[in-house]
């Protein structure tokens, strides 16, 4: 029981740190200016990963408690679709998304 609590607290801490960094970097604060321009992450990548994390945080507790309920199955489908779209975008369509972002005049980094 103690080990499970420690692991859960570490995972929650890691999640909070990841979300905090993902929000702090696009705000162009002190951390953002400290990074070299080519080392700065693309904004659309951060948004895609944060969306995937939000869907996961919504899906996982429901799936653990009620895996065979209608809500659990719908959220499983939503998580699967989101995971597939984000994965394919990062794997195969990142060049296209970069081109589209630059064409629209939005900031890439």
PDB file of N, CA and C in Angstrom:
ATOM      1  N   UNK A   1       0.821  -1.195   0.000  1.00  0.00           N
ATOM      2  CA  UNK A   1       0.000   0.000   0.000  1.00  0.00           C
ATOM      3  C   UNK A   1       0.867   1.263   0.000  1.00  0.00           C
ATOM      4  N   UNK A   2       1.922   1.238   0.787  1.00  0.00           N
ATOM      5  CA  UNK A   2       2.811   2.396   0.865  1.00  0.00           C
ATOM      6  C   UNK A   2       3.523   2.618  -0.469  1.00  0.00           C
ATOM      7  N   UNK A   3       3.947   1.537  -1.094  1.00  0.00           N
ATOM      8  CA  UNK A   3       4.630   1.653  -2.383  1.00  0.00           C
ATOM      9  C   UNK A   3       3.701   2.231  -3.448  1.00  0.00           C
ATOM     10  N   UNK A   4       2.452   1.808  -3.441  1.00  0.00           N
ATOM     11  CA  UNK A   4       1.486   2.327  -4.402  1.00  0.00           C
ATOM     12  C   UNK A   4       1.249   3.820  -4.192  1.00  0.00           C
ATOM     13  N   UNK A   5       1.201   4.249  -2.948  1.00  0.00           N
ATOM     14  CA  UNK A   5       1.010   5.662  -2.644  1.00  0.00           C
ATOM     15  C   UNK A   5       2.203   6.488  -3.114  1.00  0.00           C
ATOM     16  N   UNK A   6       3.392   5.972  -2.871  1.00  0.00           N
ATOM     17  CA  UNK A   6       4.605   6.684  -3.296  1.00  0.00           C
ATOM     18  C   UNK A   6       4.656   6.793  -4.815  1.00  0.00           C
ATOM     19  N   UNK A   7       4.350   5.687  -5.508  1.00  0.00           N
ATOM     20  CA  UNK A   7       4.361   5.702  -6.973  1.00  0.00           C
ATOM     21  C   UNK A   7       3.307   6.667  -7.507  1.00  0.00           C
ATOM     22  N   UNK A   8       2.131   6.658  -6.907  1.00  0.00           N
ATOM     23  CA  UNK A   8       1.071   7.574  -7.333  1.00  0.00           C
ATOM     24  C   UNK A   8       1.481   9.028  -7.121  1.00  0.00           C
ATOM     25  N   UNK A   9       2.077   9.332  -5.979  1.00  0.00           N
ATOM     26  CA  UNK A   9       2.533  10.702  -5.720  1.00  0.00           C
ATOM     27  C   UNK A   9       3.625  11.123  -6.699  1.00  0.00           C
ATOM     28  N   UNK A  10       4.534  10.215  -7.025  1.00  0.00           N
ATOM     29  CA  UNK A  10       5.573  10.530  -8.012  1.00  0.00           C
ATOM     30  C   UNK A  10       4.977  10.787  -9.391  1.00  0.00           C
ATOM     31  N   UNK A  11       3.993   9.974  -9.770  1.00  0.00           N
ATOM     32  CA  UNK A  11       3.358  10.184 -11.076  1.00  0.00           C
ATOM     33  C   UNK A  11       2.578  11.496 -11.116  1.00  0.00           C
ATOM     34  N   UNK A  12       1.903  11.826 -10.034  1.00  0.00           N
ATOM     35  CA  UNK A  12       1.175  13.102  -9.981  1.00  0.00           C
ATOM     36  C   UNK A  12       2.165  14.263 -10.044  1.00  0.00           C
ATOM     37  N   UNK A  13       3.268  14.156  -9.315  1.00  0.00           N
ATOM     38  CA  UNK A  13       4.291  15.197  -9.360  1.00  0.00           C
ATOM     39  C   UNK A  13       4.900  15.346 -10.737  1.00  0.00           C
ATOM     40  N   UNK A  14       5.144  14.232 -11.397  1.00  0.00           N
ATOM     41  CA  UNK A  14       5.681  14.274 -12.754  1.00  0.00           C
ATOM     42  C   UNK A  14       4.690  14.907 -13.718  1.00  0.00           C
ATOM     43  N   UNK A  15       3.418  14.583 -13.561  1.00  0.00           N
ATOM     44  CA  UNK A  15       2.384  15.183 -14.406  1.00  0.00           C
ATOM     45  C   UNK A  15       2.282  16.684 -14.198  1.00  0.00           C
ATOM     46  N   UNK A  16       2.321  17.117 -12.942  1.00  0.00           N
ATOM     47  CA  UNK A  16       2.253  18.554 -12.649  1.00  0.00           C
ATOM     48  C   UNK A  16       3.471  19.271 -13.222  1.00  0.00           C
ATOM     49  N   UNK A  17       4.640  18.666 -13.088  1.00  0.00           N
ATOM     50  CA  UNK A  17       5.854  19.279 -13.641  1.00  0.00           C
ATOM     51  C   UNK A  17       5.782  19.376 -15.163  1.00  0.00           C
ATOM     52  N   UNK A  18       5.289  18.321 -15.808  1.00  0.00           N
ATOM     53  CA  UNK A  18       5.192  18.335 -17.275  1.00  0.00           C
ATOM     54  C   UNK A  18       4.219  19.396 -17.758  1.00  0.00           C
ATOM     55  N   UNK A  19       3.075  19.501 -17.098  1.00  0.00           N
ATOM     56  CA  UNK A  19       2.094  20.511 -17.496  1.00  0.00           C
ATOM     57  C   UNK A  19       2.631  21.908 -17.219  1.00  0.00           C
ATOM     58  N   UNK A  20       3.286  22.095 -16.091  1.00  0.00           N
ATOM     59  CA  UNK A  20       3.850  23.412 -15.765  1.00  0.00           C
ATOM     60  C   UNK A  20       4.886  23.844 -16.800  1.00  0.00           C
ATOM     61  N   UNK A  21       5.771  22.938 -17.176  1.00  0.00           N
ATOM     62  CA  UNK A  21       6.764  23.262 -18.197  1.00  0.00           C
ATOM     63  C   UNK A  21       6.113  23.507 -19.544  1.00  0.00           C
ATOM     64  N   UNK A  22       5.109  22.726 -19.880  1.00  0.00           N
ATOM     65  CA  UNK A  22       4.440  22.893 -21.170  1.00  0.00           C
ATOM     66  C   UNK A  22       3.680  24.207 -21.253  1.00  0.00           C
ATOM     67  N   UNK A  23       3.283  24.736 -20.132  1.00  0.00           N
ATOM     68  CA  UNK A  23       2.614  26.035 -20.120  1.00  0.00           C
ATOM     69  C   UNK A  23       3.629  27.164 -20.025  1.00  0.00           C
ATOM     70  N   UNK A  24       4.700  26.965 -19.266  1.00  0.00           N
ATOM     71  CA  UNK A  24       5.700  28.021 -19.057  1.00  0.00           C
ATOM     72  C   UNK A  24       6.485  28.330 -20.327  1.00  0.00           C
ATOM     73  N   UNK A  25       6.776  27.316 -21.119  1.00  0.00           N
ATOM     74  CA  UNK A  25       7.596  27.542 -22.317  1.00  0.00           C
ATOM     75  C   UNK A  25       6.876  28.407 -23.345  1.00  0.00           C
ATOM     76  N   UNK A  26       5.615  28.135 -23.720  1.00  0.00           N
ATOM     77  CA  UNK A  26       4.965  29.001 -24.718  1.00  0.00           C
ATOM     78  C   UNK A  26       4.674  30.414 -24.219  1.00  0.00           C
ATOM     79  N   UNK A  27       4.703  30.646 -22.920  1.00  0.00           N
ATOM     80  CA  UNK A  27       4.434  31.993 -22.409  1.00  0.00           C
ATOM     81  C   UNK A  27       5.612  32.936 -22.622  1.00  0.00           C
ATOM     82  N   UNK A  28       6.718  32.410 -23.127  1.00  0.00           N
ATOM     83  CA  UNK A  28       7.916  33.192 -23.455  1.00  0.00           C
ATOM     84  C   UNK A  28       8.499  33.919 -22.252  1.00  0.00           C
ATOM     85  N   UNK A  29       8.588  33.216 -21.161  1.00  0.00           N
ATOM     86  CA  UNK A  29       9.154  33.791 -19.941  1.00  0.00           C
ATOM     87  C   UNK A  29      10.655  33.597 -19.881  1.00  0.00           C
ATOM     88  N   UNK A  30      11.157  33.613 -18.656  1.00  0.00           N
ATOM     89  CA  UNK A  30      12.591  33.505 -18.423  1.00  0.00           C
ATOM     90  C   UNK A  30      13.130  32.150 -18.906  1.00  0.00           C
ATOM     91  N   UNK A  31      12.365  31.101 -18.678  1.00  0.00           N
ATOM     92  CA  UNK A  31      12.774  29.771 -19.126  1.00  0.00           C
ATOM     93  C   UNK A  31      12.860  29.711 -20.646  1.00  0.00           C
ATOM     94  N   UNK A  32      11.908  30.299 -21.331  1.00  0.00           N
ATOM     95  CA  UNK A  32      11.870  30.292 -22.797  1.00  0.00           C
ATOM     96  C   UNK A  32      13.055  31.054 -23.375  1.00  0.00           C
ATOM     97  N   UNK A  33      13.349  32.217 -22.814  1.00  0.00           N
ATOM     98  CA  UNK A  33      14.471  33.014 -23.323  1.00  0.00           C
ATOM     99  C   UNK A  33      15.818  32.366 -23.032  1.00  0.00           C
ATOM    100  N   UNK A  34      15.867  31.494 -22.037  1.00  0.00           N
ATOM    101  CA  UNK A  34      17.110  30.801 -21.708  1.00  0.00           C
ATOM    102  C   UNK A  34      17.452  29.691 -22.684  1.00  0.00           C
ATOM    103  N   UNK A  35      16.468  29.234 -23.451  1.00  0.00           N
ATOM    104  CA  UNK A  35      16.711  28.184 -24.436  1.00  0.00           C
ATOM    105  C   UNK A  35      17.240  28.788 -25.737  1.00  0.00           C
ATOM    106  N   UNK A  36      18.094  28.037 -26.414  1.00  0.00           N
ATOM    107  CA  UNK A  36      18.564  28.483 -27.719  1.00  0.00           C
ATOM    108  C   UNK A  36      17.392  28.446 -28.696  1.00  0.00           C
ATOM    109  N   UNK A  37      17.356  29.351 -29.680  1.00  0.00           N
ATOM    110  CA  UNK A  37      16.211  29.394 -30.601  1.00  0.00           C
ATOM    111  C   UNK A  37      15.907  28.079 -31.298  1.00  0.00           C
ATOM    112  N   UNK A  38      16.906  27.313 -31.674  1.00  0.00           N
ATOM    113  CA  UNK A  38      16.653  26.040 -32.349  1.00  0.00           C
ATOM    114  C   UNK A  38      16.259  24.932 -31.378  1.00  0.00           C
ATOM    115  N   UNK A  39      16.515  25.128 -30.092  1.00  0.00           N
ATOM    116  CA  UNK A  39      16.166  24.107 -29.093  1.00  0.00           C
ATOM    117  C   UNK A  39      14.758  24.306 -28.544  1.00  0.00           C
ATOM    118  N   UNK A  40      14.142  25.411 -28.876  1.00  0.00           N
ATOM    119  CA  UNK A  40      12.787  25.666 -28.383  1.00  0.00           C
ATOM    120  C   UNK A  40      11.792  24.731 -29.054  1.00  0.00           C
ATOM    121  N   UNK A  41      10.876  24.172 -28.275  1.00  0.00           N
ATOM    122  CA  UNK A  41       9.913  23.235 -28.870  1.00  0.00           C
ATOM    123  C   UNK A  41       8.876  23.965 -29.712  1.00  0.00           C
ATOM    124  N   UNK A  42       8.340  23.260 -30.659  1.00  0.00           N
ATOM    125  CA  UNK A  42       7.276  23.831 -31.488  1.00  0.00           C
ATOM    126  C   UNK A  42       6.004  23.925 -30.661  1.00  0.00           C
ATOM    127  N   UNK A  43       5.308  25.044 -30.811  1.00  0.00           N
ATOM    128  CA  UNK A  43       4.104  25.282 -30.021  1.00  0.00           C
ATOM    129  C   UNK A  43       3.013  24.262 -30.322  1.00  0.00           C
ATOM    130  N   UNK A  44       2.862  23.890 -31.587  1.00  0.00           N
ATOM    131  CA  UNK A  44       1.792  22.959 -31.920  1.00  0.00           C
ATOM    132  C   UNK A  44       2.060  21.573 -31.351  1.00  0.00           C
ATOM    133  N   UNK A  45       3.331  21.208 -31.189  1.00  0.00           N
ATOM    134  CA  UNK A  45       3.661  19.918 -30.582  1.00  0.00           C
ATOM    135  C   UNK A  45       3.259  19.926 -29.112  1.00  0.00           C
ATOM    136  N   UNK A  46       3.561  21.010 -28.422  1.00  0.00           N
ATOM    137  CA  UNK A  46       3.159  21.114 -27.012  1.00  0.00           C
ATOM    138  C   UNK A  46       1.649  21.055 -26.859  1.00  0.00           C
ATOM    139  N   UNK A  47       0.936  21.727 -27.738  1.00  0.00           N
ATOM    140  CA  UNK A  47      -0.528  21.710 -27.656  1.00  0.00           C
ATOM    141  C   UNK A  47      -1.079  20.308 -27.924  1.00  0.00           C
ATOM    142  N   UNK A  48      -0.504  19.597 -28.884  1.00  0.00           N
ATOM    143  CA  UNK A  48      -0.965  18.244 -29.186  1.00  0.00           C
ATOM    144  C   UNK A  48      -0.712  17.300 -28.015  1.00  0.00           C
ATOM    145  N   UNK A  49       0.461  17.401 -27.423  1.00  0.00           N
ATOM    146  CA  UNK A  49       0.783  16.528 -26.290  1.00  0.00           C
ATOM    147  C   UNK A  49      -0.064  16.882 -25.068  1.00  0.00           C
ATOM    148  N   UNK A  50      -0.306  18.170 -24.833  1.00  0.00           N
ATOM    149  CA  UNK A  50      -1.172  18.564 -23.715  1.00  0.00           C
ATOM    150  C   UNK A  50      -2.606  18.094 -23.931  1.00  0.00           C
ATOM    151  N   UNK A  51      -3.088  18.124 -25.159  1.00  0.00           N
ATOM    152  CA  UNK A  51      -4.424  17.611 -25.447  1.00  0.00           C
ATOM    153  C   UNK A  51      -4.490  16.119 -25.176  1.00  0.00           C
ATOM    154  N   UNK A  52      -3.483  15.390 -25.613  1.00  0.00           N
ATOM    155  CA  UNK A  52      -3.439  13.956 -25.357  1.00  0.00           C
ATOM    156  C   UNK A  52      -3.385  13.670 -23.864  1.00  0.00           C
ATOM    157  N   UNK A  53      -2.618  14.453 -23.129  1.00  0.00           N
ATOM    158  CA  UNK A  53      -2.532  14.252 -21.680  1.00  0.00           C
ATOM    159  C   UNK A  53      -3.861  14.549 -20.997  1.00  0.00           C
ATOM    160  N   UNK A  54      -4.553  15.581 -21.441  1.00  0.00           N
ATOM    161  CA  UNK A  54      -5.849  15.918 -20.851  1.00  0.00           C
ATOM    162  C   UNK A  54      -6.868  14.806 -21.091  1.00  0.00           C
ATOM    163  N   UNK A  55      -6.886  14.259 -22.303  1.00  0.00           N
ATOM    164  CA  UNK A  55      -7.809  13.158 -22.598  1.00  0.00           C
ATOM    165  C   UNK A  55      -7.430  11.930 -21.772  1.00  0.00           C
ATOM    166  N   UNK A  56      -6.145  11.680 -21.620  1.00  0.00           N
ATOM    167  CA  UNK A  56      -5.708  10.549 -20.805  1.00  0.00           C
ATOM    168  C   UNK A  56      -6.132  10.721 -19.350  1.00  0.00           C
ATOM    169  N   UNK A  57      -5.952  11.924 -18.799  1.00  0.00           N
ATOM    170  CA  UNK A  57      -6.333  12.164 -17.407  1.00  0.00           C
ATOM    171  C   UNK A  57      -7.836  12.065 -17.198  1.00  0.00           C
ATOM    172  N   UNK A  58      -8.603  12.317 -18.208  1.00  0.00           N
ATOM    173  CA  UNK A  58     -10.046  12.133 -18.135  1.00  0.00           C
ATOM    174  C   UNK A  58     -10.417  10.659 -18.284  1.00  0.00           C
ATOM    175  N   UNK A  59      -9.762   9.965 -19.199  1.00  0.00           N
ATOM    176  CA  UNK A  59     -10.106   8.578 -19.514  1.00  0.00           C
ATOM    177  C   UNK A  59      -9.656   7.588 -18.461  1.00  0.00           C
ATOM    178  N   UNK A  60      -8.431   7.707 -17.969  1.00  0.00           N
ATOM    179  CA  UNK A  60      -7.835   6.658 -17.152  1.00  0.00           C
ATOM    180  C   UNK A  60      -8.602   6.361 -15.863  1.00  0.00           C
ATOM    181  N   UNK A  61      -8.978   7.354 -15.056  1.00  0.00           N
ATOM    182  CA  UNK A  61      -9.728   7.006 -13.834  1.00  0.00           C
ATOM    183  C   UNK A  61     -11.076   6.355 -14.130  1.00  0.00           C
ATOM    184  N   UNK A  62     -11.756   6.829 -15.158  1.00  0.00           N
ATOM    185  CA  UNK A  62     -13.049   6.235 -15.516  1.00  0.00           C
ATOM    186  C   UNK A  62     -12.846   4.805 -15.985  1.00  0.00           C
ATOM    187  N   UNK A  63     -11.827   4.570 -16.781  1.00  0.00           N
ATOM    188  CA  UNK A  63     -11.549   3.235 -17.281  1.00  0.00           C
ATOM    189  C   UNK A  63     -11.163   2.279 -16.153  1.00  0.00           C
ATOM    190  N   UNK A  64     -10.429   2.789 -15.149  1.00  0.00           N
ATOM    191  CA  UNK A  64     -10.038   1.935 -14.025  1.00  0.00           C
ATOM    192  C   UNK A  64     -11.239   1.561 -13.157  1.00  0.00           C
ATOM    193  N   UNK A  65     -12.156   2.491 -12.953  1.00  0.00           N
ATOM    194  CA  UNK A  65     -13.288   2.232 -12.064  1.00  0.00           C
ATOM    195  C   UNK A  65     -14.444   1.521 -12.762  1.00  0.00           C
ATOM    196  N   UNK A  66     -14.759   1.925 -13.990  1.00  0.00           N
ATOM    197  CA  UNK A  66     -15.896   1.365 -14.713  1.00  0.00           C
ATOM    198  C   UNK A  66     -15.494   1.008 -16.144  1.00  0.00           C
ATOM    199  N   UNK A  67     -14.702  -0.056 -16.326  1.00  0.00           N
ATOM    200  CA  UNK A  67     -14.190  -0.353 -17.676  1.00  0.00           C
ATOM    201  C   UNK A  67     -15.263  -0.798 -18.670  1.00  0.00           C
ATOM    202  N   UNK A  68     -16.364  -1.355 -18.200  1.00  0.00           N
ATOM    203  CA  UNK A  68     -17.368  -1.882 -19.121  1.00  0.00           C
ATOM    204  C   UNK A  68     -18.594  -0.980 -19.255  1.00  0.00           C
ATOM    205  N   UNK A  69     -18.530   0.207 -18.651  1.00  0.00           N
ATOM    206  CA  UNK A  69     -19.663   1.119 -18.770  1.00  0.00           C
ATOM    207  C   UNK A  69     -19.634   1.818 -20.128  1.00  0.00           C
ATOM    208  N   UNK A  70     -20.746   2.415 -20.479  1.00  0.00           N
ATOM    209  CA  UNK A  70     -20.833   3.141 -21.755  1.00  0.00           C
ATOM    210  C   UNK A  70     -19.874   4.324 -21.766  1.00  0.00           C
ATOM    211  N   UNK A  71     -19.806   5.040 -20.660  1.00  0.00           N
ATOM    212  CA  UNK A  71     -18.901   6.197 -20.571  1.00  0.00           C
ATOM    213  C   UNK A  71     -17.452   5.728 -20.706  1.00  0.00           C
ATOM    214  N   UNK A  72     -17.112   4.627 -20.053  1.00  0.00           N
ATOM    215  CA  UNK A  72     -15.752   4.089 -20.153  1.00  0.00           C
ATOM    216  C   UNK A  72     -15.391   3.705 -21.573  1.00  0.00           C
ATOM    217  N   UNK A  73     -16.330   3.086 -22.270  1.00  0.00           N
ATOM    218  CA  UNK A  73     -16.060   2.680 -23.652  1.00  0.00           C
ATOM    219  C   UNK A  73     -15.966   3.876 -24.604  1.00  0.00           C
ATOM    220  N   UNK A  74     -16.818   4.879 -24.394  1.00  0.00           N
ATOM    221  CA  UNK A  74     -16.758   6.081 -25.237  1.00  0.00           C
ATOM    222  C   UNK A  74     -15.445   6.823 -24.997  1.00  0.00           C
ATOM    223  N   UNK A  75     -15.029   6.933 -23.737  1.00  0.00           N
ATOM    224  CA  UNK A  75     -13.760   7.606 -23.444  1.00  0.00           C
ATOM    225  C   UNK A  75     -12.573   6.793 -23.947  1.00  0.00           C
ATOM    226  N   UNK A  76     -12.680   5.471 -23.941  1.00  0.00           N
ATOM    227  CA  UNK A  76     -11.617   4.633 -24.510  1.00  0.00           C
ATOM    228  C   UNK A  76     -11.495   4.895 -26.009  1.00  0.00           C
ATOM    229  N   UNK A  77     -12.618   4.984 -26.681  1.00  0.00           N
ATOM    230  CA  UNK A  77     -12.604   5.295 -28.111  1.00  0.00           C
ATOM    231  C   UNK A  77     -12.021   6.691 -28.356  1.00  0.00           C
ATOM    232  N   UNK A  78     -12.430   7.669 -27.549  1.00  0.00           N
ATOM    233  CA  UNK A  78     -11.902   9.027 -27.682  1.00  0.00           C
ATOM    234  C   UNK A  78     -10.398   9.064 -27.452  1.00  0.00           C
ATOM    235  N   UNK A  79      -9.925   8.354 -26.437  1.00  0.00           N
ATOM    236  CA  UNK A  79      -8.490   8.313 -26.166  1.00  0.00           C
ATOM    237  C   UNK A  79      -7.745   7.636 -27.318  1.00  0.00           C
ATOM    238  N   UNK A  80      -8.297   6.549 -27.834  1.00  0.00           N
ATOM    239  CA  UNK A  80      -7.647   5.858 -28.947  1.00  0.00           C
ATOM    240  C   UNK A  80      -7.544   6.734 -30.185  1.00  0.00           C
ATOM    241  N   UNK A  81      -8.620   7.427 -30.507  1.00  0.00           N
ATOM    242  CA  UNK A  81      -8.621   8.312 -31.678  1.00  0.00           C
ATOM    243  C   UNK A  81      -7.633   9.460 -31.474  1.00  0.00           C
ATOM    244  N   UNK A  82      -7.647  10.055 -30.279  1.00  0.00           N
ATOM    245  CA  UNK A  82      -6.716  11.160 -29.992  1.00  0.00           C
ATOM    246  C   UNK A  82      -5.276  10.686 -30.058  1.00  0.00           C
ATOM    247  N   UNK A  83      -4.998   9.526 -29.480  1.00  0.00           N
ATOM    248  CA  UNK A  83      -3.650   8.964 -29.501  1.00  0.00           C
ATOM    249  C   UNK A  83      -3.200   8.714 -30.943  1.00  0.00           C
ATOM    250  N   UNK A  84      -4.079   8.171 -31.760  1.00  0.00           N
ATOM    251  CA  UNK A  84      -3.749   7.894 -33.158  1.00  0.00           C
ATOM    252  C   UNK A  84      -3.472   9.187 -33.929  1.00  0.00           C
ATOM    253  N   UNK A  85      -4.337  10.179 -33.759  1.00  0.00           N
ATOM    254  CA  UNK A  85      -4.171  11.439 -34.498  1.00  0.00           C
ATOM    255  C   UNK A  85      -2.895  12.152 -34.089  1.00  0.00           C
ATOM    256  N   UNK A  86      -2.639  12.254 -32.788  1.00  0.00           N
ATOM    257  CA  UNK A  86      -1.417  12.924 -32.324  1.00  0.00           C
ATOM    258  C   UNK A  86      -0.187  12.141 -32.776  1.00  0.00           C
ATOM    259  N   UNK A  87      -0.235  10.829 -32.657  1.00  0.00           N
ATOM    260  CA  UNK A  87       0.906  10.011 -33.087  1.00  0.00           C
ATOM    261  C   UNK A  87       1.200  10.138 -34.560  1.00  0.00           C
ATOM    262  N   UNK A  88       0.168  10.082 -35.397  1.00  0.00           N
ATOM    263  CA  UNK A  88       0.379  10.193 -36.845  1.00  0.00           C
ATOM    264  C   UNK A  88       0.841  11.593 -37.229  1.00  0.00           C
ATOM    265  N   UNK A  89       0.308  12.593 -36.546  1.00  0.00           N
ATOM    266  CA  UNK A  89       0.736  13.961 -36.835  1.00  0.00           C
ATOM    267  C   UNK A  89       2.206  14.139 -36.502  1.00  0.00           C
ATOM    268  N   UNK A  90       2.630  13.635 -35.356  1.00  0.00           N
ATOM    269  CA  UNK A  90       4.033  13.775 -34.970  1.00  0.00           C
ATOM    270  C   UNK A  90       4.948  12.926 -35.849  1.00  0.00           C
ATOM    271  N   UNK A  91       4.484  11.771 -36.267  1.00  0.00           N
ATOM    272  CA  UNK A  91       5.330  10.850 -37.033  1.00  0.00           C
ATOM    273  C   UNK A  91       5.414  11.227 -38.514  1.00  0.00           C
ATOM    274  N   UNK A  92       4.279  11.437 -39.149  1.00  0.00           N
ATOM    275  CA  UNK A  92       4.269  11.582 -40.604  1.00  0.00           C
ATOM    276  C   UNK A  92       3.927  12.976 -41.114  1.00  0.00           C
ATOM    277  N   UNK A  93       3.175  13.749 -40.365  1.00  0.00           N
ATOM    278  CA  UNK A  93       2.675  15.020 -40.886  1.00  0.00           C
ATOM    279  C   UNK A  93       3.303  16.252 -40.238  1.00  0.00           C
ATOM    280  N   UNK A  94       4.396  16.088 -39.518  1.00  0.00           N
ATOM    281  CA  UNK A  94       4.990  17.241 -38.837  1.00  0.00           C
ATOM    282  C   UNK A  94       5.497  18.292 -39.836  1.00  0.00           C
ATOM    283  N   UNK A  95       6.051  17.859 -40.954  1.00  0.00           N
ATOM    284  CA  UNK A  95       6.499  18.814 -41.969  1.00  0.00           C
ATOM    285  C   UNK A  95       5.341  19.608 -42.547  1.00  0.00           C
ATOM    286  N   UNK A  96       4.230  18.929 -42.788  1.00  0.00           N
ATOM    287  CA  UNK A  96       3.038  19.602 -43.308  1.00  0.00           C
ATOM    288  C   UNK A  96       2.488  20.605 -42.296  1.00  0.00           C
ATOM    289  N   UNK A  97       2.446  20.218 -41.027  1.00  0.00           N
ATOM    290  CA  UNK A  97       1.935  21.132 -39.997  1.00  0.00           C
ATOM    291  C   UNK A  97       2.863  22.334 -39.850  1.00  0.00           C
ATOM    292  N   UNK A  98       4.184  22.108 -39.880  1.00  0.00           N
ATOM    293  CA  UNK A  98       5.136  23.235 -39.832  1.00  0.00           C
ATOM    294  C   UNK A  98       4.903  24.190 -41.003  1.00  0.00           C
ATOM    295  N   UNK A  99       4.730  23.649 -42.199  1.00  0.00           N
ATOM    296  CA  UNK A  99       4.486  24.479 -43.373  1.00  0.00           C
ATOM    297  C   UNK A  99       3.195  25.272 -43.212  1.00  0.00           C
ATOM    298  N   UNK A 100       2.143  24.626 -42.726  1.00  0.00           N
ATOM    299  CA  UNK A 100       0.851  25.298 -42.550  1.00  0.00           C
ATOM    300  C   UNK A 100       0.941  26.416 -41.506  1.00  0.00           C
ATOM    301  N   UNK A 101       1.635  26.161 -40.422  1.00  0.00           N
ATOM    302  CA  UNK A 101       1.784  27.176 -39.371  1.00  0.00           C
ATOM    303  C   UNK A 101       2.555  28.375 -39.907  1.00  0.00           C
ATOM    304  N   UNK A 102       3.628  28.133 -40.636  1.00  0.00           N
ATOM    305  CA  UNK A 102       4.405  29.242 -41.215  1.00  0.00           C
ATOM    306  C   UNK A 102       3.583  30.004 -42.255  1.00  0.00           C
ATOM    307  N   UNK A 103       2.824  29.284 -43.060  1.00  0.00           N
ATOM    308  CA  UNK A 103       2.008  29.916 -44.103  1.00  0.00           C
ATOM    309  C   UNK A 103       0.941  30.819 -43.512  1.00  0.00           C
ATOM    310  N   UNK A 104       0.377  30.412 -42.394  1.00  0.00           N
ATOM    311  CA  UNK A 104      -0.658  31.216 -41.731  1.00  0.00           C
ATOM    312  C   UNK A 104      -0.070  32.431 -41.003  1.00  0.00           C
ATOM    313  N   UNK A 105       1.244  32.459 -40.835  1.00  0.00           N
ATOM    314  CA  UNK A 105       1.889  33.573 -40.147  1.00  0.00           C
ATOM    315  C   UNK A 105       1.946  33.405 -38.637  1.00  0.00           C
ATOM    316  N   UNK A 106       1.641  32.212 -38.154  1.00  0.00           N
ATOM    317  CA  UNK A 106       1.689  31.963 -36.714  1.00  0.00           C
ATOM    318  C   UNK A 106       3.125  31.661 -36.313  1.00  0.00           C
ATOM    319  N   UNK A 107       3.396  31.822 -35.053  1.00  0.00           N
ATOM    320  CA  UNK A 107       4.733  31.515 -34.546  1.00  0.00           C
ATOM    321  C   UNK A 107       4.920  30.007 -34.476  1.00  0.00           C
ATOM    322  N   UNK A 108       6.041  29.557 -35.005  1.00  0.00           N
ATOM    323  CA  UNK A 108       6.342  28.117 -34.985  1.00  0.00           C
ATOM    324  C   UNK A 108       6.913  27.695 -33.641  1.00  0.00           C
ATOM    325  N   UNK A 109       7.748  28.529 -33.085  1.00  0.00           N
ATOM    326  CA  UNK A 109       8.393  28.209 -31.801  1.00  0.00           C
ATOM    327  C   UNK A 109       8.074  29.262 -30.771  1.00  0.00           C
TER     328      UNK A 109
END
